[in-house]
Amino acid sequence: MRKGLFSCLLLLCTAANTVSAQRLMHGLGTTISVLFGKISGGGESADFAMSQASFCWFPRYNFIDNGSSSFSIGAPLAAGVGIASNADLFDKGAVFAFELPVAVDYNFGCNASFDSDKNVGGYAGLGYSYYKVSIAGSQYSDFKGVSHGPVVRAGMRFANENWSGRGITVGMFYKMGIEKNKLSTVGFHILYDL
């Protein structure tokens, strides 16, 4: 009796893990983004722009999945380096930044799920992003460098029968900052879907 119960529990756990694994998808790649707006300090405000290239890892979980389309929740995490500049004073500095976003996407066609056999597809979604910047070698060294706000995102996915279920995602996003300086972010990413 115990052996049969143990075997049944083991089978249920294995099935649950299989279902969960089939709903968890990953992508690796790069993001190019520009953070821009005006920052104030010492009673003055100045135009500010920061461009950076980042390494991106994007895990997403399909919480509704019907094969050719899905709804997912994901976190396209990014960290990288770049250049910050002040358009008024021609001041530049080195940047290290990371982004912690959460997004809910509608996925369709290619790589919407593990069961999709389409070669072309895409996604569109909404989310929220927290952006932390550390700047060295400029007048902005004391800039706290935090920007956060809602995100709108969309993109396309492509695959080929010879790619063994892998694909390429090309997308873009826009973040509207709601912190004191209200810095906006525009970004593009290219990911290899695992």
N, C-alpha and C. Protein backbone atom coordinates (compact mmCIF):
# COMPACT_ATOMS: atom_id res chain seq x y z
N MET A 1 0.83 -1.20 0.00
CA MET A 1 0.00 0.00 0.00
C MET A 1 0.87 1.27 0.00
N ARG A 2 1.89 1.29 0.93
CA ARG A 2 2.79 2.45 0.99
C ARG A 2 3.55 2.63 -0.31
N LYS A 3 4.01 1.50 -0.88
CA LYS A 3 4.77 1.55 -2.13
C LYS A 3 3.91 2.12 -3.25
N GLY A 4 2.64 1.70 -3.31
CA GLY A 4 1.73 2.20 -4.34
C GLY A 4 1.45 3.68 -4.16
N LEU A 5 1.26 4.13 -2.91
CA LEU A 5 1.01 5.54 -2.61
C LEU A 5 2.23 6.38 -2.97
N PHE A 6 3.45 5.88 -2.62
CA PHE A 6 4.69 6.58 -2.95
C PHE A 6 4.84 6.72 -4.46
N SER A 7 4.55 5.64 -5.20
CA SER A 7 4.66 5.66 -6.67
C SER A 7 3.68 6.66 -7.26
N CYS A 8 2.49 6.72 -6.71
CA CYS A 8 1.47 7.66 -7.19
C CYS A 8 1.90 9.11 -6.95
N LEU A 9 2.43 9.41 -5.75
CA LEU A 9 2.92 10.75 -5.44
C LEU A 9 4.09 11.14 -6.33
N LEU A 10 5.00 10.20 -6.57
CA LEU A 10 6.14 10.45 -7.44
C LEU A 10 5.68 10.78 -8.86
N LEU A 11 4.68 10.04 -9.35
CA LEU A 11 4.13 10.28 -10.69
C LEU A 11 3.48 11.65 -10.77
N LEU A 12 2.72 12.05 -9.74
CA LEU A 12 2.08 13.37 -9.73
C LEU A 12 3.12 14.49 -9.70
N CYS A 13 4.16 14.34 -8.88
CA CYS A 13 5.22 15.37 -8.82
C CYS A 13 5.95 15.49 -10.15
N THR A 14 6.23 14.37 -10.78
CA THR A 14 6.89 14.38 -12.09
C THR A 14 6.02 15.08 -13.13
N ALA A 15 4.73 14.78 -13.13
CA ALA A 15 3.81 15.42 -14.07
C ALA A 15 3.73 16.92 -13.82
N ALA A 16 3.66 17.33 -12.54
CA ALA A 16 3.59 18.76 -12.21
C ALA A 16 4.86 19.47 -12.67
N ASN A 17 6.02 18.84 -12.46
CA ASN A 17 7.28 19.45 -12.89
C ASN A 17 7.34 19.57 -14.41
N THR A 18 6.84 18.57 -15.11
CA THR A 18 6.84 18.60 -16.57
C THR A 18 5.96 19.74 -17.09
N VAL A 19 4.76 19.87 -16.50
CA VAL A 19 3.86 20.95 -16.92
C VAL A 19 4.49 22.30 -16.65
N SER A 20 5.08 22.48 -15.45
CA SER A 20 5.71 23.75 -15.11
C SER A 20 6.88 24.05 -16.03
N ALA A 21 7.70 23.04 -16.31
CA ALA A 21 8.86 23.24 -17.18
C ALA A 21 8.42 23.63 -18.58
N GLN A 22 7.30 23.09 -19.05
CA GLN A 22 6.82 23.42 -20.38
C GLN A 22 6.26 24.83 -20.45
N ARG A 23 5.97 25.43 -19.33
CA ARG A 23 5.43 26.79 -19.32
C ARG A 23 6.50 27.83 -19.05
N LEU A 24 7.69 27.42 -18.62
CA LEU A 24 8.78 28.36 -18.32
C LEU A 24 9.72 28.42 -19.52
N MET A 25 9.86 29.62 -20.09
CA MET A 25 10.70 29.81 -21.27
C MET A 25 11.77 30.86 -20.95
N HIS A 26 12.88 30.84 -21.71
CA HIS A 26 14.00 31.74 -21.45
C HIS A 26 14.51 32.34 -22.75
N GLY A 27 15.09 33.53 -22.64
CA GLY A 27 15.79 34.15 -23.74
C GLY A 27 17.04 34.84 -23.23
N LEU A 28 18.10 34.84 -24.03
CA LEU A 28 19.36 35.52 -23.70
C LEU A 28 19.74 36.43 -24.86
N GLY A 29 20.29 37.61 -24.52
CA GLY A 29 20.71 38.49 -25.60
C GLY A 29 21.21 39.82 -25.11
N THR A 30 20.95 40.85 -25.88
CA THR A 30 21.44 42.19 -25.57
C THR A 30 20.34 43.22 -25.71
N THR A 31 20.46 44.28 -24.93
CA THR A 31 19.53 45.41 -24.97
C THR A 31 20.34 46.69 -25.19
N ILE A 32 19.87 47.55 -26.07
CA ILE A 32 20.44 48.88 -26.26
C ILE A 32 19.36 49.85 -25.82
N SER A 33 19.68 50.73 -24.86
CA SER A 33 18.66 51.64 -24.36
C SER A 33 19.21 53.04 -24.17
N VAL A 34 18.29 54.02 -24.18
CA VAL A 34 18.62 55.42 -23.95
C VAL A 34 17.67 55.95 -22.89
N LEU A 35 18.24 56.47 -21.81
CA LEU A 35 17.50 57.11 -20.73
C LEU A 35 17.68 58.61 -20.93
N PHE A 36 16.59 59.39 -20.95
CA PHE A 36 16.74 60.81 -21.26
C PHE A 36 15.70 61.65 -20.53
N GLY A 37 15.99 62.93 -20.44
CA GLY A 37 15.09 63.88 -19.79
C GLY A 37 15.90 65.04 -19.22
N LYS A 38 15.36 65.69 -18.20
CA LYS A 38 16.06 66.78 -17.52
C LYS A 38 16.27 66.38 -16.07
N ILE A 39 17.46 66.67 -15.54
CA ILE A 39 17.69 66.45 -14.12
C ILE A 39 18.02 67.79 -13.48
N SER A 40 17.60 67.95 -12.23
CA SER A 40 17.84 69.21 -11.55
C SER A 40 18.81 69.01 -10.40
N GLY A 41 19.57 70.05 -10.12
CA GLY A 41 20.54 70.02 -9.02
C GLY A 41 21.12 71.41 -8.84
N GLY A 42 21.23 71.84 -7.61
CA GLY A 42 21.79 73.17 -7.33
C GLY A 42 20.92 74.29 -7.88
N GLY A 43 19.61 74.08 -7.95
CA GLY A 43 18.71 75.12 -8.43
C GLY A 43 18.62 75.22 -9.95
N GLU A 44 19.35 74.37 -10.66
CA GLU A 44 19.32 74.40 -12.12
C GLU A 44 18.89 73.05 -12.66
N SER A 45 18.42 73.06 -13.90
CA SER A 45 18.11 71.78 -14.55
C SER A 45 18.88 71.72 -15.86
N ALA A 46 19.22 70.52 -16.25
CA ALA A 46 20.01 70.33 -17.47
C ALA A 46 19.49 69.12 -18.23
N ASP A 47 19.62 69.19 -19.55
CA ASP A 47 19.27 68.03 -20.36
C ASP A 47 20.21 66.88 -20.02
N PHE A 48 19.66 65.70 -19.93
CA PHE A 48 20.45 64.52 -19.56
C PHE A 48 20.11 63.39 -20.51
N ALA A 49 21.15 62.67 -20.95
CA ALA A 49 20.93 61.49 -21.79
C ALA A 49 21.97 60.44 -21.41
N MET A 50 21.55 59.19 -21.41
CA MET A 50 22.44 58.10 -21.09
C MET A 50 22.15 56.95 -22.03
N SER A 51 23.15 56.49 -22.75
CA SER A 51 22.97 55.33 -23.61
C SER A 51 23.79 54.18 -23.05
N GLN A 52 23.28 52.98 -23.20
CA GLN A 52 24.01 51.82 -22.67
C GLN A 52 23.69 50.57 -23.44
N ALA A 53 24.63 49.65 -23.40
CA ALA A 53 24.44 48.30 -23.93
C ALA A 53 24.44 47.34 -22.74
N SER A 54 23.49 46.43 -22.72
CA SER A 54 23.32 45.54 -21.58
C SER A 54 23.21 44.09 -22.01
N PHE A 55 23.63 43.21 -21.11
CA PHE A 55 23.34 41.79 -21.24
C PHE A 55 21.93 41.59 -20.68
N CYS A 56 21.11 40.80 -21.37
CA CYS A 56 19.73 40.61 -20.95
C CYS A 56 19.39 39.12 -20.82
N TRP A 57 18.74 38.77 -19.73
CA TRP A 57 18.19 37.42 -19.53
C TRP A 57 16.71 37.59 -19.28
N PHE A 58 15.90 36.87 -20.05
CA PHE A 58 14.45 37.06 -19.97
C PHE A 58 13.75 35.73 -19.68
N PRO A 59 13.49 35.44 -18.40
CA PRO A 59 12.65 34.28 -18.08
C PRO A 59 11.18 34.71 -18.15
N ARG A 60 10.33 33.85 -18.69
CA ARG A 60 8.89 34.14 -18.70
C ARG A 60 8.10 32.86 -18.45
N TYR A 61 6.99 33.02 -17.77
CA TYR A 61 6.14 31.88 -17.41
C TYR A 61 4.78 32.07 -18.07
N ASN A 62 4.37 31.11 -18.89
CA ASN A 62 3.07 31.17 -19.55
C ASN A 62 1.99 30.70 -18.57
N PHE A 63 1.19 31.64 -18.08
CA PHE A 63 0.15 31.25 -17.13
C PHE A 63 -1.16 30.90 -17.84
N ILE A 64 -1.32 31.31 -19.10
CA ILE A 64 -2.41 30.84 -19.96
C ILE A 64 -1.74 30.43 -21.27
N ASP A 65 -1.98 29.19 -21.69
CA ASP A 65 -1.23 28.64 -22.82
C ASP A 65 -2.14 27.75 -23.64
N ASN A 66 -2.39 28.12 -24.91
CA ASN A 66 -3.21 27.24 -25.75
C ASN A 66 -2.45 26.76 -26.98
N GLY A 67 -1.14 26.78 -26.94
CA GLY A 67 -0.34 26.26 -28.04
C GLY A 67 0.13 27.32 -29.00
N SER A 68 -0.79 27.96 -29.71
CA SER A 68 -0.39 28.96 -30.70
C SER A 68 -0.38 30.37 -30.13
N SER A 69 -0.88 30.54 -28.91
CA SER A 69 -0.82 31.83 -28.23
C SER A 69 -0.75 31.60 -26.72
N SER A 70 -0.33 32.65 -26.01
CA SER A 70 -0.22 32.53 -24.55
C SER A 70 -0.19 33.90 -23.92
N PHE A 71 -0.50 33.93 -22.63
CA PHE A 71 -0.27 35.10 -21.80
C PHE A 71 0.84 34.71 -20.83
N SER A 72 1.82 35.58 -20.68
CA SER A 72 2.95 35.26 -19.82
C SER A 72 3.28 36.40 -18.88
N ILE A 73 3.93 36.05 -17.78
CA ILE A 73 4.51 37.05 -16.91
C ILE A 73 6.01 36.80 -16.94
N GLY A 74 6.78 37.87 -17.10
CA GLY A 74 8.22 37.70 -17.24
C GLY A 74 9.00 38.87 -16.66
N ALA A 75 10.31 38.70 -16.63
CA ALA A 75 11.21 39.72 -16.09
C ALA A 75 12.44 39.82 -16.98
N PRO A 76 12.40 40.70 -18.00
CA PRO A 76 13.58 40.86 -18.87
C PRO A 76 14.70 41.64 -18.16
N LEU A 77 15.45 40.96 -17.31
CA LEU A 77 16.49 41.57 -16.48
C LEU A 77 17.68 41.98 -17.34
N ALA A 78 18.23 43.15 -17.07
CA ALA A 78 19.36 43.63 -17.88
C ALA A 78 20.38 44.34 -17.00
N ALA A 79 21.66 44.21 -17.34
CA ALA A 79 22.74 44.93 -16.68
C ALA A 79 23.80 45.25 -17.72
N GLY A 80 24.36 46.46 -17.64
CA GLY A 80 25.36 46.82 -18.64
C GLY A 80 26.07 48.11 -18.35
N VAL A 81 26.82 48.59 -19.33
CA VAL A 81 27.62 49.81 -19.21
C VAL A 81 27.26 50.76 -20.34
N GLY A 82 27.58 52.05 -20.12
CA GLY A 82 27.28 53.03 -21.15
C GLY A 82 27.91 54.37 -20.86
N ILE A 83 27.38 55.42 -21.50
CA ILE A 83 27.89 56.78 -21.39
C ILE A 83 26.74 57.72 -21.04
N ALA A 84 26.95 58.57 -20.03
CA ALA A 84 25.99 59.61 -19.67
C ALA A 84 26.53 60.94 -20.17
N SER A 85 25.63 61.83 -20.58
CA SER A 85 26.10 63.13 -21.06
C SER A 85 25.11 64.23 -20.69
N ASN A 86 25.63 65.44 -20.61
CA ASN A 86 24.85 66.64 -20.36
C ASN A 86 24.95 67.49 -21.61
N ALA A 87 23.84 67.69 -22.29
CA ALA A 87 23.85 68.41 -23.57
C ALA A 87 24.27 69.87 -23.40
N ASP A 88 23.97 70.48 -22.23
CA ASP A 88 24.29 71.89 -22.03
C ASP A 88 25.77 72.13 -21.73
N LEU A 89 26.37 71.25 -20.92
CA LEU A 89 27.75 71.48 -20.47
C LEU A 89 28.76 70.53 -21.11
N PHE A 90 28.33 69.72 -22.02
CA PHE A 90 29.19 68.75 -22.70
C PHE A 90 29.94 67.87 -21.71
N ASP A 91 29.29 67.55 -20.62
CA ASP A 91 29.88 66.72 -19.57
C ASP A 91 29.53 65.27 -19.84
N LYS A 92 30.52 64.37 -19.73
CA LYS A 92 30.28 62.96 -19.98
C LYS A 92 30.80 62.14 -18.82
N GLY A 93 30.23 60.94 -18.64
CA GLY A 93 30.69 60.06 -17.58
C GLY A 93 30.40 58.61 -17.93
N ALA A 94 31.11 57.71 -17.27
CA ALA A 94 30.89 56.28 -17.47
C ALA A 94 29.72 55.83 -16.60
N VAL A 95 28.98 54.85 -17.11
CA VAL A 95 27.75 54.41 -16.46
C VAL A 95 27.76 52.90 -16.25
N PHE A 96 27.30 52.47 -15.10
CA PHE A 96 26.89 51.08 -14.90
C PHE A 96 25.43 51.14 -14.50
N ALA A 97 24.60 50.34 -15.14
CA ALA A 97 23.17 50.38 -14.84
C ALA A 97 22.58 48.98 -14.88
N PHE A 98 21.51 48.80 -14.13
CA PHE A 98 20.76 47.57 -14.24
C PHE A 98 19.27 47.89 -14.22
N GLU A 99 18.51 47.01 -14.81
CA GLU A 99 17.06 47.20 -14.93
C GLU A 99 16.35 45.97 -14.39
N LEU A 100 15.33 46.22 -13.57
CA LEU A 100 14.52 45.16 -12.98
C LEU A 100 13.06 45.37 -13.38
N PRO A 101 12.65 44.85 -14.53
CA PRO A 101 11.28 45.02 -14.97
C PRO A 101 10.43 43.78 -14.71
N VAL A 102 9.12 43.97 -14.72
CA VAL A 102 8.16 42.87 -14.71
C VAL A 102 7.16 43.21 -15.81
N ALA A 103 6.83 42.22 -16.64
CA ALA A 103 5.93 42.47 -17.76
C ALA A 103 4.93 41.34 -17.93
N VAL A 104 3.73 41.70 -18.33
CA VAL A 104 2.70 40.72 -18.73
C VAL A 104 2.52 40.89 -20.23
N ASP A 105 2.75 39.81 -20.98
CA ASP A 105 2.71 39.86 -22.45
C ASP A 105 1.66 38.92 -23.01
N TYR A 106 1.10 39.33 -24.15
CA TYR A 106 0.32 38.42 -24.98
C TYR A 106 1.26 37.95 -26.08
N ASN A 107 1.49 36.64 -26.20
CA ASN A 107 2.39 36.05 -27.18
C ASN A 107 1.59 35.31 -28.23
N PHE A 108 2.00 35.41 -29.47
CA PHE A 108 1.29 34.70 -30.54
C PHE A 108 2.28 34.16 -31.56
N GLY A 109 1.91 33.03 -32.16
CA GLY A 109 2.75 32.44 -33.22
C GLY A 109 4.04 31.86 -32.68
N CYS A 110 5.13 32.16 -33.36
CA CYS A 110 6.45 31.60 -33.06
C CYS A 110 6.81 31.75 -31.58
N ASN A 111 7.16 30.62 -30.96
CA ASN A 111 7.60 30.56 -29.56
C ASN A 111 6.63 31.19 -28.56
N ALA A 112 5.34 31.22 -28.92
CA ALA A 112 4.34 31.63 -27.93
C ALA A 112 4.29 30.58 -26.82
N SER A 113 4.57 29.33 -27.19
CA SER A 113 4.67 28.23 -26.23
C SER A 113 5.60 27.19 -26.84
N PHE A 114 5.90 26.14 -26.07
CA PHE A 114 6.73 25.07 -26.60
C PHE A 114 6.00 24.28 -27.70
N ASP A 115 4.66 24.36 -27.73
CA ASP A 115 3.89 23.60 -28.71
C ASP A 115 3.69 24.33 -30.03
N SER A 116 4.03 25.60 -30.08
CA SER A 116 3.82 26.37 -31.30
C SER A 116 4.77 25.91 -32.40
N ASP A 117 4.23 25.73 -33.62
CA ASP A 117 5.08 25.32 -34.74
C ASP A 117 5.18 26.41 -35.81
N LYS A 118 4.83 27.63 -35.44
CA LYS A 118 4.88 28.76 -36.38
C LYS A 118 6.30 29.30 -36.49
N ASN A 119 6.63 29.83 -37.66
CA ASN A 119 7.96 30.41 -37.89
C ASN A 119 8.00 31.91 -37.66
N VAL A 120 6.83 32.54 -37.56
CA VAL A 120 6.75 33.98 -37.32
C VAL A 120 5.72 34.22 -36.22
N GLY A 121 6.00 35.15 -35.36
CA GLY A 121 5.07 35.49 -34.28
C GLY A 121 5.47 36.80 -33.65
N GLY A 122 4.94 37.04 -32.48
CA GLY A 122 5.28 38.28 -31.80
C GLY A 122 4.69 38.35 -30.41
N TYR A 123 4.79 39.54 -29.84
CA TYR A 123 4.25 39.75 -28.50
C TYR A 123 3.94 41.23 -28.32
N ALA A 124 3.08 41.54 -27.37
CA ALA A 124 2.78 42.91 -26.96
C ALA A 124 2.42 42.85 -25.49
N GLY A 125 2.87 43.84 -24.73
CA GLY A 125 2.58 43.78 -23.31
C GLY A 125 2.80 45.07 -22.57
N LEU A 126 2.48 45.01 -21.28
CA LEU A 126 2.63 46.13 -20.37
C LEU A 126 3.39 45.66 -19.14
N GLY A 127 4.04 46.59 -18.46
CA GLY A 127 4.75 46.21 -17.26
C GLY A 127 5.17 47.41 -16.45
N TYR A 128 6.12 47.16 -15.56
CA TYR A 128 6.66 48.21 -14.70
C TYR A 128 8.16 47.94 -14.57
N SER A 129 8.96 49.01 -14.61
CA SER A 129 10.41 48.82 -14.59
C SER A 129 11.09 49.74 -13.58
N TYR A 130 12.10 49.19 -12.91
CA TYR A 130 12.95 49.94 -11.99
C TYR A 130 14.35 49.96 -12.60
N TYR A 131 14.91 51.16 -12.75
CA TYR A 131 16.18 51.36 -13.44
C TYR A 131 17.15 52.03 -12.47
N LYS A 132 18.29 51.43 -12.19
CA LYS A 132 19.28 52.00 -11.26
C LYS A 132 20.56 52.29 -12.03
N VAL A 133 21.07 53.53 -11.87
CA VAL A 133 22.24 53.99 -12.61
C VAL A 133 23.32 54.45 -11.64
N SER A 134 24.56 54.03 -11.87
CA SER A 134 25.73 54.57 -11.15
C SER A 134 26.61 55.26 -12.18
N ILE A 135 26.92 56.54 -11.94
CA ILE A 135 27.70 57.32 -12.90
C ILE A 135 29.00 57.77 -12.26
N ALA A 136 30.12 57.64 -13.00
CA ALA A 136 31.43 58.06 -12.50
C ALA A 136 32.09 58.98 -13.52
N GLY A 137 32.86 59.96 -13.03
CA GLY A 137 33.64 60.81 -13.91
C GLY A 137 32.87 61.94 -14.54
N SER A 138 31.78 62.40 -13.89
CA SER A 138 31.03 63.53 -14.44
C SER A 138 30.41 64.30 -13.29
N GLN A 139 29.79 65.43 -13.60
CA GLN A 139 29.12 66.22 -12.57
C GLN A 139 27.92 65.47 -12.02
N TYR A 140 27.53 64.37 -12.66
CA TYR A 140 26.38 63.60 -12.21
C TYR A 140 26.78 62.48 -11.26
N SER A 141 28.01 62.50 -10.76
CA SER A 141 28.47 61.42 -9.90
C SER A 141 27.59 61.25 -8.66
N ASP A 142 26.97 62.36 -8.21
CA ASP A 142 26.10 62.27 -7.04
C ASP A 142 24.64 62.04 -7.43
N PHE A 143 24.36 61.88 -8.71
CA PHE A 143 23.00 61.60 -9.17
C PHE A 143 22.60 60.22 -8.67
N LYS A 144 21.50 60.14 -7.94
CA LYS A 144 21.08 58.88 -7.35
C LYS A 144 20.80 57.84 -8.43
N GLY A 145 20.38 58.30 -9.59
CA GLY A 145 20.25 57.41 -10.73
C GLY A 145 19.15 56.38 -10.66
N VAL A 146 18.01 56.74 -10.10
CA VAL A 146 16.89 55.81 -10.06
C VAL A 146 15.77 56.35 -10.92
N SER A 147 15.28 55.52 -11.80
CA SER A 147 14.13 55.87 -12.62
C SER A 147 13.19 54.67 -12.64
N HIS A 148 11.91 54.91 -12.52
CA HIS A 148 10.95 53.80 -12.54
C HIS A 148 9.63 54.29 -13.12
N GLY A 149 8.88 53.35 -13.65
CA GLY A 149 7.58 53.71 -14.21
C GLY A 149 7.02 52.62 -15.09
N PRO A 150 5.82 52.89 -15.64
CA PRO A 150 5.15 51.90 -16.49
C PRO A 150 5.87 51.72 -17.83
N VAL A 151 5.77 50.51 -18.37
CA VAL A 151 6.45 50.15 -19.62
C VAL A 151 5.44 49.60 -20.63
N VAL A 152 5.60 50.01 -21.88
CA VAL A 152 4.87 49.43 -23.01
C VAL A 152 5.89 48.73 -23.87
N ARG A 153 5.61 47.50 -24.32
CA ARG A 153 6.60 46.72 -25.08
C ARG A 153 5.93 45.91 -26.18
N ALA A 154 6.66 45.68 -27.25
CA ALA A 154 6.16 44.87 -28.36
C ALA A 154 7.34 44.39 -29.19
N GLY A 155 7.12 43.30 -29.94
CA GLY A 155 8.19 42.79 -30.79
C GLY A 155 7.75 41.62 -31.64
N MET A 156 8.70 41.11 -32.40
CA MET A 156 8.46 39.98 -33.32
C MET A 156 9.41 38.84 -32.97
N ARG A 157 8.96 37.62 -33.31
CA ARG A 157 9.80 36.43 -33.12
C ARG A 157 9.88 35.68 -34.45
N PHE A 158 11.06 35.11 -34.69
CA PHE A 158 11.30 34.38 -35.93
C PHE A 158 11.98 33.06 -35.61
N ALA A 159 11.67 32.04 -36.39
CA ALA A 159 12.31 30.74 -36.22
C ALA A 159 12.44 30.06 -37.57
N ASN A 160 13.10 28.92 -37.56
CA ASN A 160 13.31 28.12 -38.77
C ASN A 160 13.24 26.66 -38.36
N GLU A 161 12.75 25.82 -39.25
CA GLU A 161 12.62 24.39 -38.94
C GLU A 161 13.95 23.77 -38.51
N ASN A 162 15.05 24.31 -38.99
CA ASN A 162 16.37 23.76 -38.68
C ASN A 162 16.94 24.26 -37.35
N TRP A 163 16.23 25.12 -36.64
CA TRP A 163 16.75 25.70 -35.42
C TRP A 163 16.36 24.91 -34.17
N SER A 164 15.79 23.75 -34.31
CA SER A 164 15.43 22.86 -33.19
C SER A 164 14.56 23.56 -32.15
N GLY A 165 13.54 24.28 -32.61
CA GLY A 165 12.62 24.93 -31.68
C GLY A 165 13.12 26.25 -31.12
N ARG A 166 14.33 26.66 -31.49
CA ARG A 166 14.86 27.94 -31.02
C ARG A 166 14.34 29.06 -31.92
N GLY A 167 14.50 30.29 -31.46
CA GLY A 167 14.06 31.42 -32.25
C GLY A 167 14.82 32.68 -31.88
N ILE A 168 14.53 33.75 -32.62
CA ILE A 168 15.11 35.06 -32.37
C ILE A 168 13.96 36.03 -32.08
N THR A 169 14.11 36.80 -31.01
CA THR A 169 13.13 37.84 -30.66
C THR A 169 13.77 39.20 -30.87
N VAL A 170 13.06 40.07 -31.59
CA VAL A 170 13.49 41.45 -31.78
C VAL A 170 12.36 42.33 -31.25
N GLY A 171 12.67 43.18 -30.29
CA GLY A 171 11.60 43.98 -29.69
C GLY A 171 12.04 45.35 -29.26
N MET A 172 11.08 46.14 -28.84
CA MET A 172 11.35 47.48 -28.35
C MET A 172 10.45 47.77 -27.16
N PHE A 173 10.85 48.76 -26.36
CA PHE A 173 10.03 49.15 -25.21
C PHE A 173 10.17 50.64 -24.94
N TYR A 174 9.18 51.17 -24.23
CA TYR A 174 9.21 52.57 -23.80
C TYR A 174 8.78 52.62 -22.34
N LYS A 175 9.60 53.24 -21.49
CA LYS A 175 9.27 53.45 -20.08
C LYS A 175 9.06 54.93 -19.83
N MET A 176 7.93 55.26 -19.20
CA MET A 176 7.66 56.63 -18.82
C MET A 176 7.98 56.77 -17.33
N GLY A 177 9.00 57.55 -17.01
CA GLY A 177 9.42 57.70 -15.61
C GLY A 177 8.41 58.48 -14.80
N ILE A 178 8.15 58.03 -13.58
CA ILE A 178 7.22 58.74 -12.70
C ILE A 178 7.94 59.23 -11.43
N GLU A 179 9.29 59.09 -11.40
CA GLU A 179 10.06 59.62 -10.27
C GLU A 179 10.17 61.14 -10.43
N LYS A 180 10.88 61.80 -9.52
CA LYS A 180 10.98 63.27 -9.50
C LYS A 180 11.42 63.84 -10.85
N ASN A 181 12.46 63.27 -11.46
CA ASN A 181 12.97 63.80 -12.74
C ASN A 181 12.20 63.33 -13.96
N LYS A 182 11.35 62.32 -13.79
CA LYS A 182 10.51 61.80 -14.88
C LYS A 182 11.32 61.47 -16.14
N LEU A 183 12.39 60.71 -15.95
CA LEU A 183 13.23 60.32 -17.08
C LEU A 183 12.56 59.21 -17.88
N SER A 184 12.57 59.33 -19.18
CA SER A 184 12.00 58.32 -20.07
C SER A 184 13.10 57.38 -20.56
N THR A 185 12.71 56.18 -20.96
CA THR A 185 13.66 55.22 -21.52
C THR A 185 13.07 54.62 -22.79
N VAL A 186 13.88 54.57 -23.83
CA VAL A 186 13.53 53.87 -25.06
C VAL A 186 14.58 52.80 -25.26
N GLY A 187 14.16 51.58 -25.58
CA GLY A 187 15.13 50.52 -25.74
C GLY A 187 14.76 49.51 -26.81
N PHE A 188 15.77 48.80 -27.29
CA PHE A 188 15.60 47.74 -28.29
C PHE A 188 16.37 46.53 -27.79
N HIS A 189 15.83 45.35 -28.03
CA HIS A 189 16.58 44.16 -27.64
C HIS A 189 16.50 43.08 -28.71
N ILE A 190 17.54 42.24 -28.72
CA ILE A 190 17.59 41.06 -29.57
C ILE A 190 17.92 39.89 -28.65
N LEU A 191 17.06 38.88 -28.65
CA LEU A 191 17.22 37.72 -27.77
C LEU A 191 17.23 36.44 -28.55
N TYR A 192 18.00 35.49 -28.07
CA TYR A 192 17.99 34.13 -28.60
C TYR A 192 17.10 33.31 -27.67
N ASP A 193 15.99 32.83 -28.17
CA ASP A 193 15.04 32.08 -27.36
C ASP A 193 15.53 30.66 -27.16
N LEU A 194 15.71 30.27 -25.91
CA LEU A 194 16.22 28.94 -25.58
C LEU A 194 15.09 27.92 -25.51
